[in-house]
Protein backbone atom coordinates (compact mmCIF):
# COMPACT_ATOMS: atom_id res chain seq x y z
CA MET A 1 -10.11 13.85 -12.74
CA ALA A 2 -12.69 16.27 -11.35
CA SER A 3 -12.68 17.71 -7.85
CA GLN A 4 -15.80 17.73 -5.70
CA GLU A 5 -16.08 21.43 -6.52
CA GLU A 6 -16.00 20.67 -10.25
CA LEU A 7 -18.54 17.87 -9.84
CA ALA A 8 -20.78 20.28 -7.96
CA LEU A 9 -20.59 22.84 -10.74
CA PHE A 10 -21.31 20.14 -13.32
CA VAL A 11 -24.48 18.94 -11.58
CA GLY A 12 -25.60 22.34 -10.29
CA ALA A 13 -25.08 21.60 -6.60
CA THR A 14 -22.85 22.78 -3.79
CA ARG A 15 -19.57 21.08 -2.97
CA GLU A 16 -20.99 20.27 0.45
CA SER A 17 -24.01 18.47 -0.98
CA VAL A 18 -21.78 16.49 -3.36
CA ASN A 19 -19.62 15.50 -0.39
CA GLN A 20 -22.69 14.46 1.63
CA GLN A 21 -24.00 12.33 -1.22
CA LEU A 22 -20.63 10.67 -1.77
CA GLN A 23 -20.30 9.92 1.94
CA GLY A 24 -23.79 8.40 1.94
CA LEU A 25 -22.94 6.22 -1.06
CA LYS A 26 -19.75 5.17 0.71
CA GLN A 27 -21.64 4.25 3.89
CA ASP A 28 -24.06 2.19 1.80
CA GLY A 29 -21.11 0.29 0.29
CA LEU A 30 -21.81 1.55 -3.22
CA VAL A 31 -18.57 3.47 -3.73
CA GLU A 32 -15.09 3.66 -2.31
CA LEU A 33 -13.37 7.03 -1.99
CA SER A 34 -9.58 7.06 -2.00
CA GLY A 35 -6.86 9.32 -3.29
CA GLY A 36 -9.37 11.77 -4.74
CA ARG A 37 -10.97 9.01 -6.81
CA ILE A 38 -14.43 7.49 -6.73
CA HIS A 39 -14.47 3.74 -7.27
CA LEU A 40 -17.85 2.26 -8.16
CA LEU A 41 -18.36 -0.98 -6.24
CA GLU A 42 -21.99 -1.90 -6.85
CA HIS A 43 -22.78 -1.01 -10.47
CA ARG A 44 -26.21 -2.64 -10.55
CA ARG A 45 -27.36 -1.12 -7.25
CA LEU A 46 -26.16 2.30 -8.41
CA ALA A 47 -28.03 1.92 -11.71
CA ARG A 48 -31.22 0.99 -9.82
CA LEU A 49 -30.76 3.97 -7.51
CA ILE A 50 -30.36 6.31 -10.47
CA SER A 51 -33.37 4.79 -12.28
CA SER A 52 -35.58 5.18 -9.23
CA ALA A 53 -34.63 8.88 -8.92
CA ASP A 54 -36.10 9.72 -12.33
């Protein structure tokens, strides 16, 4: 399991920006954050979001 700090290093971002993105995804109902884990709730919507970012 990776921490937000480790995720930030992996994607070349700050821990704060990773946290902001995760909180936004949570507010949009795409993920659930609990116990240090990220649970993907809306796989198709997330895939569309990722595809549109390219």
